[in-house]
Amino acid sequence: MSEFIKVINKSDLPSGQGCVVEINSRPIALFNVNGEFYALDNVCPHRGGPVGEGFVDCANLTVQCPWHGWTFSLASGASPVIKVAKVETFEVKVEGDEVKVSLE
């Protein structure tokens, strides 16, 4: 069974925004798109850029790394442009106002 850890209150992350949270000293990029939350590895595979600080495209459910523009799906972590590029995704659940992420 997956262990979910509270990382933030949903009211603390506006829709269309991302942030970086830490779970067991691991940086996780967390995004809110119209009340749906997504969690990705915060490290871009290109040059290690901070994915959680990237531009969120709510219409396409993607995030663009702020360093060099690599784009990743919020749902799958896969790049729609560079087929071999991917960041790890994590399961998210919302309970009341609490947003929880599982690294398992």
C-alpha atoms as a PDB file:
ATOM      1  CA  MET A   1       0.000   0.000   0.000  1.00  0.00           C
ATOM      2  CA  SER A   2       1.308   3.436  -0.937  1.00  0.00           C
ATOM      3  CA  GLU A   3       2.233   5.862   1.805  1.00  0.00           C
ATOM      4  CA  PHE A   4       0.889   9.330   1.116  1.00  0.00           C
ATOM      5  CA  ILE A   5       2.601  12.301   2.740  1.00  0.00           C
ATOM      6  CA  LYS A   6       0.958  15.696   3.143  1.00  0.00           C
ATOM      7  CA  VAL A   7       2.994  18.279   1.249  1.00  0.00           C
ATOM      8  CA  ILE A   8       0.777  21.365   1.071  1.00  0.00           C
ATOM      9  CA  ASN A   9      -2.737  22.687   1.575  1.00  0.00           C
ATOM     10  CA  LYS A  10      -4.577  22.963  -1.725  1.00  0.00           C
ATOM     11  CA  SER A  11      -5.522  26.553  -0.888  1.00  0.00           C
ATOM     12  CA  ASP A  12      -1.787  27.413  -0.866  1.00  0.00           C
ATOM     13  CA  LEU A  13      -1.248  26.598  -4.560  1.00  0.00           C
ATOM     14  CA  PRO A  14      -3.404  28.589  -7.016  1.00  0.00           C
ATOM     15  CA  SER A  15      -4.607  27.004 -10.238  1.00  0.00           C
ATOM     16  CA  GLY A  16      -2.118  27.327 -13.087  1.00  0.00           C
ATOM     17  CA  GLN A  17       0.834  27.428 -10.706  1.00  0.00           C
ATOM     18  CA  GLY A  18       3.566  25.087  -9.575  1.00  0.00           C
ATOM     19  CA  CYS A  19       5.823  24.852  -6.569  1.00  0.00           C
ATOM     20  CA  VAL A  20       8.572  22.667  -5.212  1.00  0.00           C
ATOM     21  CA  VAL A  21       7.999  20.540  -2.112  1.00  0.00           C
ATOM     22  CA  GLU A  22      10.351  18.109  -0.405  1.00  0.00           C
ATOM     23  CA  ILE A  23       9.618  14.546   0.575  1.00  0.00           C
ATOM     24  CA  ASN A  24      12.428  12.748   2.394  1.00  0.00           C
ATOM     25  CA  SER A  25      14.886  15.405   1.119  1.00  0.00           C
ATOM     26  CA  ARG A  26      13.777  14.796  -2.485  1.00  0.00           C
ATOM     27  CA  PRO A  27      12.512  17.832  -4.427  1.00  0.00           C
ATOM     28  CA  ILE A  28       9.126  17.215  -6.058  1.00  0.00           C
ATOM     29  CA  ALA A  29       7.438  19.579  -8.529  1.00  0.00           C
ATOM     30  CA  LEU A  30       3.770  19.998  -7.653  1.00  0.00           C
ATOM     31  CA  PHE A  31       1.205  21.626  -9.960  1.00  0.00           C
ATOM     32  CA  ASN A  32      -2.435  22.681  -9.706  1.00  0.00           C
ATOM     33  CA  VAL A  33      -4.510  22.831 -12.890  1.00  0.00           C
ATOM     34  CA  ASN A  34      -8.146  23.674 -12.197  1.00  0.00           C
ATOM     35  CA  GLY A  35      -8.112  21.793  -8.902  1.00  0.00           C
ATOM     36  CA  GLU A  36      -6.324  18.729 -10.279  1.00  0.00           C
ATOM     37  CA  PHE A  37      -2.892  18.208  -8.754  1.00  0.00           C
ATOM     38  CA  TYR A  38       0.123  16.629 -10.463  1.00  0.00           C
ATOM     39  CA  ALA A  39       3.511  15.674  -9.036  1.00  0.00           C
ATOM     40  CA  LEU A  40       6.696  15.206 -11.057  1.00  0.00           C
ATOM     41  CA  ASP A  41      10.385  14.810 -10.341  1.00  0.00           C
ATOM     42  CA  ASN A  42      11.710  18.360 -10.010  1.00  0.00           C
ATOM     43  CA  VAL A  43      14.907  17.621 -11.960  1.00  0.00           C
ATOM     44  CA  CYS A  44      14.798  18.082 -15.744  1.00  0.00           C
ATOM     45  CA  PRO A  45      16.716  15.271 -17.514  1.00  0.00           C
ATOM     46  CA  HIS A  46      18.322  17.776 -19.894  1.00  0.00           C
ATOM     47  CA  ARG A  47      20.519  19.808 -17.538  1.00  0.00           C
ATOM     48  CA  GLY A  48      18.919  19.402 -14.124  1.00  0.00           C
ATOM     49  CA  GLY A  49      16.675  22.453 -14.312  1.00  0.00           C
ATOM     50  CA  PRO A  50      13.963  23.046 -11.690  1.00  0.00           C
ATOM     51  CA  VAL A  51      10.791  21.728 -13.351  1.00  0.00           C
ATOM     52  CA  GLY A  52       8.633  23.064 -10.512  1.00  0.00           C
ATOM     53  CA  GLU A  53       9.604  26.621 -11.421  1.00  0.00           C
ATOM     54  CA  GLY A  54       8.549  26.174 -15.036  1.00  0.00           C
ATOM     55  CA  PHE A  55       5.713  27.624 -17.121  1.00  0.00           C
ATOM     56  CA  VAL A  56       2.439  25.697 -16.740  1.00  0.00           C
ATOM     57  CA  ASP A  57       0.302  25.349 -19.876  1.00  0.00           C
ATOM     58  CA  CYS A  58      -3.150  24.534 -18.481  1.00  0.00           C
ATOM     59  CA  ALA A  59      -4.715  23.958 -21.907  1.00  0.00           C
ATOM     60  CA  ASN A  60      -2.196  21.249 -22.855  1.00  0.00           C
ATOM     61  CA  LEU A  61      -1.457  19.976 -19.324  1.00  0.00           C
ATOM     62  CA  THR A  62       2.265  20.519 -19.718  1.00  0.00           C
ATOM     63  CA  VAL A  63       5.098  22.270 -17.913  1.00  0.00           C
ATOM     64  CA  GLN A  64       8.108  23.853 -19.588  1.00  0.00           C
ATOM     65  CA  CYS A  65      11.450  23.746 -17.779  1.00  0.00           C
ATOM     66  CA  PRO A  66      12.577  27.348 -17.162  1.00  0.00           C
ATOM     67  CA  TRP A  67      16.212  26.714 -18.083  1.00  0.00           C
ATOM     68  CA  HIS A  68      16.054  25.433 -21.665  1.00  0.00           C
ATOM     69  CA  GLY A  69      12.373  25.025 -22.492  1.00  0.00           C
ATOM     70  CA  TRP A  70      12.017  21.256 -22.412  1.00  0.00           C
ATOM     71  CA  THR A  71       8.322  20.397 -22.079  1.00  0.00           C
ATOM     72  CA  PHE A  72       6.732  17.559 -20.108  1.00  0.00           C
ATOM     73  CA  SER A  73       3.209  16.214 -19.704  1.00  0.00           C
ATOM     74  CA  LEU A  74       1.866  16.799 -16.202  1.00  0.00           C
ATOM     75  CA  ALA A  75      -0.062  13.522 -16.398  1.00  0.00           C
ATOM     76  CA  SER A  76       2.587  11.156 -17.782  1.00  0.00           C
ATOM     77  CA  GLY A  77       5.893  13.002 -17.382  1.00  0.00           C
ATOM     78  CA  ALA A  78       6.702  12.296 -21.039  1.00  0.00           C
ATOM     79  CA  SER A  79       7.921  14.992 -23.385  1.00  0.00           C
ATOM     80  CA  PRO A  80       5.549  15.597 -26.312  1.00  0.00           C
ATOM     81  CA  VAL A  81       8.530  16.869 -28.326  1.00  0.00           C
ATOM     82  CA  ILE A  82      11.506  14.676 -27.407  1.00  0.00           C
ATOM     83  CA  LYS A  83      10.148  11.129 -27.296  1.00  0.00           C
ATOM     84  CA  VAL A  84      12.973   9.710 -25.144  1.00  0.00           C
ATOM     85  CA  ALA A  85      12.751  12.469 -22.511  1.00  0.00           C
ATOM     86  CA  LYS A  86      10.645  11.836 -19.427  1.00  0.00           C
ATOM     87  CA  VAL A  87      10.448  12.824 -15.777  1.00  0.00           C
ATOM     88  CA  GLU A  88       9.096  10.524 -13.100  1.00  0.00           C
ATOM     89  CA  THR A  89       5.501  11.100 -11.982  1.00  0.00           C
ATOM     90  CA  PHE A  90       4.016  10.465  -8.565  1.00  0.00           C
ATOM     91  CA  GLU A  91       0.525   9.662  -7.364  1.00  0.00           C
ATOM     92  CA  VAL A  92      -1.345  12.561  -5.748  1.00  0.00           C
ATOM     93  CA  LYS A  93      -4.522  12.562  -3.709  1.00  0.00           C
ATOM     94  CA  VAL A  94      -6.475  15.371  -2.100  1.00  0.00           C
ATOM     95  CA  GLU A  95      -8.230  14.854   1.207  1.00  0.00           C
ATOM     96  CA  GLY A  96     -10.160  17.928   2.294  1.00  0.00           C
ATOM     97  CA  ASP A  97      -7.648  20.769   1.979  1.00  0.00           C
ATOM     98  CA  GLU A  98      -4.598  18.481   2.199  1.00  0.00           C
ATOM     99  CA  VAL A  99      -2.598  17.546  -0.888  1.00  0.00           C
ATOM    100  CA  LYS A 100      -0.694  14.300  -0.410  1.00  0.00           C
ATOM    101  CA  VAL A 101       1.949  12.645  -2.602  1.00  0.00           C
ATOM    102  CA  SER A 102       3.274   9.100  -2.649  1.00  0.00           C
ATOM    103  CA  LEU A 103       6.811   8.347  -3.819  1.00  0.00           C
ATOM    104  CA  GLU A 104       6.079   4.626  -4.095  1.00  0.00           C
END
